[in-house]
Amino acid sequence: MAPIQFLFMANIPKKIANALREHEVFRHVPNVESLSGDELTREGLYEGYPCAHGHTIRSLDGHWCYQCATLIRDNICGFDLNYLHKDYKHRYAELWSKIAVGPFDTCWDSPELTHRRIRMPSYRSLYARDKATNVTAQKAIYQCAWGDIGSMFVTRVCDSKTCLNPLHLVSSWNRLFPPSLISPFDYEFKPEKLMQFARISDETQIKILRKKGQKQTIQHPLVHQNCPDYDDEYQQCYKIECQETR
């Protein structure tokens, strides 16, 4: 794993690479979903507002979703709009309808969304009047396709400042080179899937349904076509972009 991680870091600006190294330490907690509130607290976790994928266990410090962090670290990127948590799916349907979706190996430039903030549920939603807070479009897209990272920031590994391709978006949990595809990837409502999801009440079956189609695929960095050069302009914009994407 180390050589791939090193090559990934070598192909992005040094400031971003340093930021990606300086993240919270992830520690596996056995049987985390069966722990009591006090036991979670001792592990630095708590039961919080559900993420878009229905997980509820979050970090006390960064508020990131424990299960989502596990998936991101396993290099899994994918979602099915029809199976997202009910508080998120309609907001995400509206957002995805405005994105210029293209081939996985290209930038999905959507300049009309790049500098906008989106009303989306978050770890703060227990205290928000309409269960939503403002996040940037790129962070909203990342948290839909990759997972909920709480208060952590999102940045890009491509050289397009208007790109919303999830495979070009990273947080500090992305320790491997991005996969070559998003799987599953269904960003439109399908009546048959919505009805299927509505009929299921067992949480175990819901988890199985959400995991269907997930794939671990690693693309070797030498074939990646969208890594930025070490240009001064990109590095100067880094601090601004990090502040905007929190």
C-alpha atoms as a PDB file:
ATOM      1  CA  MET A   1       0.000   0.000   0.000  1.00  0.00           C
ATOM      2  CA  ALA A   2       2.797   2.436   0.818  1.00  0.00           C
ATOM      3  CA  PRO A   3       4.169   2.814  -2.752  1.00  0.00           C
ATOM      4  CA  ILE A   4       0.708   3.636  -4.126  1.00  0.00           C
ATOM      5  CA  GLN A   5       0.105   6.146  -1.358  1.00  0.00           C
ATOM      6  CA  PHE A   6       3.491   7.751  -1.998  1.00  0.00           C
ATOM      7  CA  LEU A   7       2.813   8.096  -5.723  1.00  0.00           C
ATOM      8  CA  PHE A   8      -0.592   9.604  -4.987  1.00  0.00           C
ATOM      9  CA  MET A   9       0.993  12.200  -2.714  1.00  0.00           C
ATOM     10  CA  ALA A  10       3.721  12.901  -5.267  1.00  0.00           C
ATOM     11  CA  ASN A  11       1.206  13.809  -7.961  1.00  0.00           C
ATOM     12  CA  ILE A  12      -0.621  16.545  -6.061  1.00  0.00           C
ATOM     13  CA  PRO A  13       0.562  19.941  -4.734  1.00  0.00           C
ATOM     14  CA  LYS A  14       2.758  19.712  -1.634  1.00  0.00           C
ATOM     15  CA  LYS A  15       0.413  21.815   0.500  1.00  0.00           C
ATOM     16  CA  ILE A  16      -2.488  19.463  -0.210  1.00  0.00           C
ATOM     17  CA  ALA A  17      -0.299  16.415   0.415  1.00  0.00           C
ATOM     18  CA  ASN A  18       0.723  17.798   3.812  1.00  0.00           C
ATOM     19  CA  ALA A  19      -2.882  18.498   4.726  1.00  0.00           C
ATOM     20  CA  LEU A  20      -3.901  14.989   3.750  1.00  0.00           C
ATOM     21  CA  ARG A  21      -1.201  13.535   5.978  1.00  0.00           C
ATOM     22  CA  GLU A  22      -2.304  15.582   8.977  1.00  0.00           C
ATOM     23  CA  HIS A  23      -5.620  13.919   9.663  1.00  0.00           C
ATOM     24  CA  GLU A  24      -7.174  12.298  12.689  1.00  0.00           C
ATOM     25  CA  VAL A  25      -5.968   8.800  13.399  1.00  0.00           C
ATOM     26  CA  PHE A  26      -8.566   6.210  12.497  1.00  0.00           C
ATOM     27  CA  ARG A  27      -8.793   3.319  14.939  1.00  0.00           C
ATOM     28  CA  HIS A  28     -10.870   0.225  14.300  1.00  0.00           C
ATOM     29  CA  VAL A  29     -13.433  -0.377  17.057  1.00  0.00           C
ATOM     30  CA  PRO A  30     -14.763  -3.965  17.161  1.00  0.00           C
ATOM     31  CA  ASN A  31     -18.570  -4.307  17.203  1.00  0.00           C
ATOM     32  CA  VAL A  32     -18.912  -0.531  17.192  1.00  0.00           C
ATOM     33  CA  GLU A  33     -22.629  -0.590  16.377  1.00  0.00           C
ATOM     34  CA  SER A  34     -23.439  -2.600  19.516  1.00  0.00           C
ATOM     35  CA  LEU A  35     -21.666  -0.294  21.976  1.00  0.00           C
ATOM     36  CA  SER A  36     -23.581   1.755  24.528  1.00  0.00           C
ATOM     37  CA  GLY A  37     -23.416   5.532  24.697  1.00  0.00           C
ATOM     38  CA  ASP A  38     -20.802   5.466  27.453  1.00  0.00           C
ATOM     39  CA  GLU A  39     -18.723   2.874  25.606  1.00  0.00           C
ATOM     40  CA  LEU A  40     -18.804   4.980  22.441  1.00  0.00           C
ATOM     41  CA  THR A  41     -17.674   8.029  24.420  1.00  0.00           C
ATOM     42  CA  ARG A  42     -14.682   6.121  25.764  1.00  0.00           C
ATOM     43  CA  GLU A  43     -13.760   5.334  22.144  1.00  0.00           C
ATOM     44  CA  GLY A  44     -14.059   8.992  21.143  1.00  0.00           C
ATOM     45  CA  LEU A  45     -17.371   8.431  19.336  1.00  0.00           C
ATOM     46  CA  TYR A  46     -21.054   9.257  19.793  1.00  0.00           C
ATOM     47  CA  GLU A  47     -24.473   8.459  18.340  1.00  0.00           C
ATOM     48  CA  GLY A  48     -25.367  11.456  16.175  1.00  0.00           C
ATOM     49  CA  TYR A  49     -27.466  12.628  13.257  1.00  0.00           C
ATOM     50  CA  PRO A  50     -27.631  10.072  10.404  1.00  0.00           C
ATOM     51  CA  CYS A  51     -25.416  10.616   7.395  1.00  0.00           C
ATOM     52  CA  ALA A  52     -26.824  10.287   3.865  1.00  0.00           C
ATOM     53  CA  HIS A  53     -26.061   6.556   3.990  1.00  0.00           C
ATOM     54  CA  GLY A  54     -27.963   5.957   7.216  1.00  0.00           C
ATOM     55  CA  HIS A  55     -24.980   5.630   9.581  1.00  0.00           C
ATOM     56  CA  THR A  56     -25.183   7.354  12.973  1.00  0.00           C
ATOM     57  CA  ILE A  57     -21.866   6.800  14.769  1.00  0.00           C
ATOM     58  CA  ARG A  58     -19.624   9.871  14.604  1.00  0.00           C
ATOM     59  CA  SER A  59     -16.314  11.133  15.958  1.00  0.00           C
ATOM     60  CA  LEU A  60     -16.534  13.381  18.997  1.00  0.00           C
ATOM     61  CA  ASP A  61     -13.846  15.687  17.598  1.00  0.00           C
ATOM     62  CA  GLY A  62     -14.286  15.879  13.825  1.00  0.00           C
ATOM     63  CA  HIS A  63     -17.907  14.634  13.694  1.00  0.00           C
ATOM     64  CA  TRP A  64     -17.022  12.375  10.750  1.00  0.00           C
ATOM     65  CA  CYS A  65     -19.046   9.229  10.270  1.00  0.00           C
ATOM     66  CA  TYR A  66     -17.199   6.139  11.494  1.00  0.00           C
ATOM     67  CA  GLN A  67     -18.715   3.752   8.912  1.00  0.00           C
ATOM     68  CA  CYS A  68     -18.180   6.244   6.064  1.00  0.00           C
ATOM     69  CA  ALA A  69     -14.538   6.718   7.073  1.00  0.00           C
ATOM     70  CA  THR A  70     -14.116   2.942   6.914  1.00  0.00           C
ATOM     71  CA  LEU A  71     -15.500   2.840   3.357  1.00  0.00           C
ATOM     72  CA  ILE A  72     -13.376   5.787   2.194  1.00  0.00           C
ATOM     73  CA  ARG A  73     -10.228   4.167   3.614  1.00  0.00           C
ATOM     74  CA  ASP A  74     -11.185   1.009   1.690  1.00  0.00           C
ATOM     75  CA  ASN A  75     -11.247   3.137  -1.490  1.00  0.00           C
ATOM     76  CA  ILE A  76     -14.971   2.607  -2.050  1.00  0.00           C
ATOM     77  CA  CYS A  77     -16.854   5.356  -3.882  1.00  0.00           C
ATOM     78  CA  GLY A  78     -20.492   4.883  -4.833  1.00  0.00           C
ATOM     79  CA  PHE A  79     -24.130   5.471  -3.967  1.00  0.00           C
ATOM     80  CA  ASP A  80     -27.689   4.837  -5.106  1.00  0.00           C
ATOM     81  CA  LEU A  81     -29.893   7.915  -4.754  1.00  0.00           C
ATOM     82  CA  ASN A  82     -32.945   5.730  -4.190  1.00  0.00           C
ATOM     83  CA  TYR A  83     -31.453   4.171  -1.063  1.00  0.00           C
ATOM     84  CA  LEU A  84     -30.177   7.308   0.662  1.00  0.00           C
ATOM     85  CA  HIS A  85     -31.589   8.447   3.993  1.00  0.00           C
ATOM     86  CA  LYS A  86     -34.985  10.134   3.586  1.00  0.00           C
ATOM     87  CA  ASP A  87     -33.740  13.526   4.816  1.00  0.00           C
ATOM     88  CA  TYR A  88     -31.131  13.671   2.048  1.00  0.00           C
ATOM     89  CA  LYS A  89     -32.445  12.001  -1.092  1.00  0.00           C
ATOM     90  CA  HIS A  90     -34.657  14.789  -2.483  1.00  0.00           C
ATOM     91  CA  ARG A  91     -32.001  17.440  -1.850  1.00  0.00           C
ATOM     92  CA  TYR A  92     -29.416  15.262  -3.584  1.00  0.00           C
ATOM     93  CA  ALA A  93     -31.762  14.537  -6.489  1.00  0.00           C
ATOM     94  CA  GLU A  94     -32.030  18.280  -7.104  1.00  0.00           C
ATOM     95  CA  LEU A  95     -28.249  18.758  -6.837  1.00  0.00           C
ATOM     96  CA  TRP A  96     -27.345  15.884  -9.165  1.00  0.00           C
ATOM     97  CA  SER A  97     -29.820  17.117 -11.778  1.00  0.00           C
ATOM     98  CA  LYS A  98     -27.613  20.210 -12.189  1.00  0.00           C
ATOM     99  CA  ILE A  99     -24.264  18.416 -12.543  1.00  0.00           C
ATOM    100  CA  ALA A 100     -22.626  17.812 -15.918  1.00  0.00           C
ATOM    101  CA  VAL A 101     -22.054  14.072 -15.447  1.00  0.00           C
ATOM    102  CA  GLY A 102     -19.591  12.603 -17.942  1.00  0.00           C
ATOM    103  CA  PRO A 103     -17.103   9.730 -18.263  1.00  0.00           C
ATOM    104  CA  PHE A 104     -15.412   8.778 -15.014  1.00  0.00           C
ATOM    105  CA  ASP A 105     -11.964   9.795 -16.295  1.00  0.00           C
ATOM    106  CA  THR A 106     -12.969  13.375 -17.155  1.00  0.00           C
ATOM    107  CA  CYS A 107     -13.738  16.525 -15.187  1.00  0.00           C
ATOM    108  CA  TRP A 108     -17.432  17.236 -14.642  1.00  0.00           C
ATOM    109  CA  ASP A 109     -17.271  20.998 -14.861  1.00  0.00           C
ATOM    110  CA  SER A 110     -20.307  22.658 -13.287  1.00  0.00           C
ATOM    111  CA  PRO A 111     -19.294  26.315 -12.807  1.00  0.00           C
ATOM    112  CA  GLU A 112     -22.803  27.415 -11.812  1.00  0.00           C
ATOM    113  CA  LEU A 113     -22.515  25.266  -8.666  1.00  0.00           C
ATOM    114  CA  THR A 114     -18.859  25.682  -7.786  1.00  0.00           C
ATOM    115  CA  HIS A 115     -19.115  28.820  -5.671  1.00  0.00           C
ATOM    116  CA  ARG A 116     -22.558  28.122  -4.259  1.00  0.00           C
ATOM    117  CA  ARG A 117     -23.491  26.734  -0.890  1.00  0.00           C
ATOM    118  CA  ILE A 118     -26.088  23.984  -0.708  1.00  0.00           C
ATOM    119  CA  ARG A 119     -28.620  23.391   2.052  1.00  0.00           C
ATOM    120  CA  MET A 120     -27.939  19.836   3.152  1.00  0.00           C
ATOM    121  CA  PRO A 121     -28.360  17.843   6.386  1.00  0.00           C
ATOM    122  CA  SER A 122     -25.183  17.467   8.428  1.00  0.00           C
ATOM    123  CA  TYR A 123     -23.921  16.514  11.871  1.00  0.00           C
ATOM    124  CA  ARG A 124     -25.338  19.874  13.008  1.00  0.00           C
ATOM    125  CA  SER A 125     -28.870  18.982  11.867  1.00  0.00           C
ATOM    126  CA  LEU A 126     -30.084  18.059  15.346  1.00  0.00           C
ATOM    127  CA  TYR A 127     -29.909  21.787  16.107  1.00  0.00           C
ATOM    128  CA  ALA A 128     -30.829  23.262  12.702  1.00  0.00           C
ATOM    129  CA  ARG A 129     -34.350  24.579  12.225  1.00  0.00           C
ATOM    130  CA  ASP A 130     -34.914  22.846   8.872  1.00  0.00           C
ATOM    131  CA  LYS A 131     -32.504  19.944   9.527  1.00  0.00           C
ATOM    132  CA  ALA A 132     -30.005  21.455   7.078  1.00  0.00           C
ATOM    133  CA  THR A 133     -26.899  23.618   7.047  1.00  0.00           C
ATOM    134  CA  ASN A 134     -24.868  25.294   4.301  1.00  0.00           C
ATOM    135  CA  VAL A 135     -22.081  23.299   2.641  1.00  0.00           C
ATOM    136  CA  THR A 136     -20.264  23.790  -0.648  1.00  0.00           C
ATOM    137  CA  ALA A 137     -21.440  21.771  -3.637  1.00  0.00           C
ATOM    138  CA  GLN A 138     -18.151  19.869  -3.795  1.00  0.00           C
ATOM    139  CA  LYS A 139     -18.391  18.789  -0.165  1.00  0.00           C
ATOM    140  CA  ALA A 140     -22.037  17.794  -0.630  1.00  0.00           C
ATOM    141  CA  ILE A 141     -21.105  15.684  -3.667  1.00  0.00           C
ATOM    142  CA  TYR A 142     -18.148  14.114  -1.861  1.00  0.00           C
ATOM    143  CA  GLN A 143     -20.309  13.147   1.105  1.00  0.00           C
ATOM    144  CA  CYS A 144     -22.907  11.609  -1.187  1.00  0.00           C
ATOM    145  CA  ALA A 145     -20.468   9.516  -3.230  1.00  0.00           C
ATOM    146  CA  TRP A 146     -17.702   8.840  -0.701  1.00  0.00           C
ATOM    147  CA  GLY A 147     -19.098   9.458   2.779  1.00  0.00           C
ATOM    148  CA  ASP A 148     -19.740  11.962   5.551  1.00  0.00           C
ATOM    149  CA  ILE A 149     -16.546  13.596   6.823  1.00  0.00           C
ATOM    150  CA  GLY A 150     -18.097  15.966   9.376  1.00  0.00           C
ATOM    151  CA  SER A 151     -16.097  19.165   9.837  1.00  0.00           C
ATOM    152  CA  MET A 152     -13.169  18.055   7.672  1.00  0.00           C
ATOM    153  CA  PHE A 153     -12.471  19.759   4.335  1.00  0.00           C
ATOM    154  CA  VAL A 154     -12.641  18.548   0.727  1.00  0.00           C
ATOM    155  CA  THR A 155     -10.326  19.529  -2.102  1.00  0.00           C
ATOM    156  CA  ARG A 156      -9.588  18.418  -5.669  1.00  0.00           C
ATOM    157  CA  VAL A 157      -6.815  16.364  -7.267  1.00  0.00           C
ATOM    158  CA  CYS A 158      -7.564  17.680 -10.770  1.00  0.00           C
ATOM    159  CA  ASP A 159      -6.660  21.101 -12.162  1.00  0.00           C
ATOM    160  CA  SER A 160     -10.223  22.232 -12.793  1.00  0.00           C
ATOM    161  CA  LYS A 161     -11.653  24.554 -10.166  1.00  0.00           C
ATOM    162  CA  THR A 162     -15.217  23.840 -11.312  1.00  0.00           C
ATOM    163  CA  CYS A 163     -15.045  20.029 -11.347  1.00  0.00           C
ATOM    164  CA  LEU A 164     -17.600  18.016  -9.367  1.00  0.00           C
ATOM    165  CA  ASN A 165     -16.525  14.528 -10.387  1.00  0.00           C
ATOM    166  CA  PRO A 166     -16.402  12.636  -7.044  1.00  0.00           C
ATOM    167  CA  LEU A 167     -13.314  10.737  -8.212  1.00  0.00           C
ATOM    168  CA  HIS A 168     -11.470  14.079  -8.371  1.00  0.00           C
ATOM    169  CA  LEU A 169     -12.497  15.091  -4.834  1.00  0.00           C
ATOM    170  CA  VAL A 170     -10.544  14.009  -1.764  1.00  0.00           C
ATOM    171  CA  SER A 171     -10.476  14.407   1.996  1.00  0.00           C
ATOM    172  CA  SER A 172      -7.746  13.310   4.382  1.00  0.00           C
ATOM    173  CA  TRP A 173      -9.350   9.868   4.605  1.00  0.00           C
ATOM    174  CA  ASN A 174      -8.448   9.157   0.956  1.00  0.00           C
ATOM    175  CA  ARG A 175      -5.139   7.446   1.569  1.00  0.00           C
ATOM    176  CA  LEU A 176      -5.046   5.513  -1.726  1.00  0.00           C
ATOM    177  CA  PHE A 177      -5.209   6.630  -5.301  1.00  0.00           C
ATOM    178  CA  PRO A 178      -8.853   7.189  -6.364  1.00  0.00           C
ATOM    179  CA  PRO A 179     -10.691   4.235  -7.944  1.00  0.00           C
ATOM    180  CA  SER A 180     -11.376   4.152 -11.671  1.00  0.00           C
ATOM    181  CA  LEU A 181     -15.158   4.124 -11.294  1.00  0.00           C
ATOM    182  CA  ILE A 182     -18.069   5.007  -9.021  1.00  0.00           C
ATOM    183  CA  SER A 183     -20.028   1.917  -8.035  1.00  0.00           C
ATOM    184  CA  PRO A 184     -22.914   1.836  -7.527  1.00  0.00           C
ATOM    185  CA  PHE A 185     -23.753   5.045  -9.369  1.00  0.00           C
ATOM    186  CA  ASP A 186     -27.462   5.823  -9.713  1.00  0.00           C
ATOM    187  CA  TYR A 187     -28.230   9.534  -9.370  1.00  0.00           C
ATOM    188  CA  GLU A 188     -31.846   9.488 -10.584  1.00  0.00           C
ATOM    189  CA  PHE A 189     -35.030   8.286  -8.929  1.00  0.00           C
ATOM    190  CA  LYS A 190     -36.291   4.875 -10.043  1.00  0.00           C
ATOM    191  CA  PRO A 191     -39.901   4.094  -8.927  1.00  0.00           C
ATOM    192  CA  GLU A 192     -39.230   0.370  -8.557  1.00  0.00           C
ATOM    193  CA  LYS A 193     -36.209   1.000  -6.326  1.00  0.00           C
ATOM    194  CA  LEU A 194     -38.051   3.582  -4.226  1.00  0.00           C
ATOM    195  CA  MET A 195     -40.915   1.144  -3.653  1.00  0.00           C
ATOM    196  CA  GLN A 196     -38.504  -1.659  -2.814  1.00  0.00           C
ATOM    197  CA  PHE A 197     -36.728   0.546  -0.282  1.00  0.00           C
ATOM    198  CA  ALA A 198     -40.020   1.730   1.252  1.00  0.00           C
ATOM    199  CA  ARG A 199     -41.144  -1.856   1.866  1.00  0.00           C
ATOM    200  CA  ILE A 200     -38.041  -2.781   3.864  1.00  0.00           C
ATOM    201  CA  SER A 201     -38.152  -2.132   7.594  1.00  0.00           C
ATOM    202  CA  ASP A 202     -35.330  -4.419   8.765  1.00  0.00           C
ATOM    203  CA  GLU A 203     -32.092  -2.454   9.223  1.00  0.00           C
ATOM    204  CA  THR A 204     -29.922  -5.417   8.241  1.00  0.00           C
ATOM    205  CA  GLN A 205     -31.710  -5.734   4.888  1.00  0.00           C
ATOM    206  CA  ILE A 206     -31.377  -1.993   4.311  1.00  0.00           C
ATOM    207  CA  LYS A 207     -27.615  -2.215   4.897  1.00  0.00           C
ATOM    208  CA  ILE A 208     -27.353  -5.093   2.423  1.00  0.00           C
ATOM    209  CA  LEU A 209     -29.315  -3.095  -0.151  1.00  0.00           C
ATOM    210  CA  ARG A 210     -27.064  -0.044   0.260  1.00  0.00           C
ATOM    211  CA  LYS A 211     -23.900  -2.132  -0.073  1.00  0.00           C
ATOM    212  CA  LYS A 212     -25.066  -3.822  -3.268  1.00  0.00           C
ATOM    213  CA  GLY A 213     -22.729  -2.933  -6.116  1.00  0.00           C
ATOM    214  CA  GLN A 214     -19.928  -1.496  -3.987  1.00  0.00           C
ATOM    215  CA  LYS A 215     -16.512  -2.212  -5.495  1.00  0.00           C
ATOM    216  CA  GLN A 216     -12.936  -1.696  -4.418  1.00  0.00           C
ATOM    217  CA  THR A 217     -11.012  -0.629  -7.512  1.00  0.00           C
ATOM    218  CA  ILE A 218      -7.631   1.085  -7.501  1.00  0.00           C
ATOM    219  CA  GLN A 219      -6.355   2.932 -10.537  1.00  0.00           C
ATOM    220  CA  HIS A 220      -2.576   3.100 -10.795  1.00  0.00           C
ATOM    221  CA  PRO A 221      -1.388   6.721 -10.516  1.00  0.00           C
ATOM    222  CA  LEU A 222       0.711   6.537 -13.674  1.00  0.00           C
ATOM    223  CA  VAL A 223      -2.416   6.184 -15.816  1.00  0.00           C
ATOM    224  CA  HIS A 224      -4.322   8.998 -14.119  1.00  0.00           C
ATOM    225  CA  GLN A 225      -4.739  11.908 -16.519  1.00  0.00           C
ATOM    226  CA  ASN A 226      -6.022  14.639 -14.218  1.00  0.00           C
ATOM    227  CA  CYS A 227      -3.317  15.261 -11.626  1.00  0.00           C
ATOM    228  CA  PRO A 228      -2.365  18.953 -11.311  1.00  0.00           C
ATOM    229  CA  ASP A 229       1.112  20.282 -12.010  1.00  0.00           C
ATOM    230  CA  TYR A 230       3.066  22.040  -9.292  1.00  0.00           C
ATOM    231  CA  ASP A 231       2.030  25.472 -10.489  1.00  0.00           C
ATOM    232  CA  ASP A 232       2.222  28.514  -8.209  1.00  0.00           C
ATOM    233  CA  GLU A 233      -1.306  29.692  -8.979  1.00  0.00           C
ATOM    234  CA  TYR A 234      -2.833  26.405  -7.850  1.00  0.00           C
ATOM    235  CA  GLN A 235      -0.870  26.403  -4.612  1.00  0.00           C
ATOM    236  CA  GLN A 236      -1.787  30.022  -3.879  1.00  0.00           C
ATOM    237  CA  CYS A 237      -5.460  29.147  -4.283  1.00  0.00           C
ATOM    238  CA  TYR A 238      -5.177  26.201  -1.910  1.00  0.00           C
ATOM    239  CA  LYS A 239      -5.840  28.079   1.350  1.00  0.00           C
ATOM    240  CA  ILE A 240      -8.878  29.843  -0.129  1.00  0.00           C
ATOM    241  CA  GLU A 241     -10.285  26.601  -1.488  1.00  0.00           C
ATOM    242  CA  CYS A 242      -9.827  24.774   1.827  1.00  0.00           C
ATOM    243  CA  GLN A 243     -11.747  27.518   3.631  1.00  0.00           C
ATOM    244  CA  GLU A 244     -14.524  27.415   1.053  1.00  0.00           C
ATOM    245  CA  THR A 245     -14.914  23.644   1.157  1.00  0.00           C
ATOM    246  CA  ARG A 246     -15.189  23.156   4.897  1.00  0.00           C
END
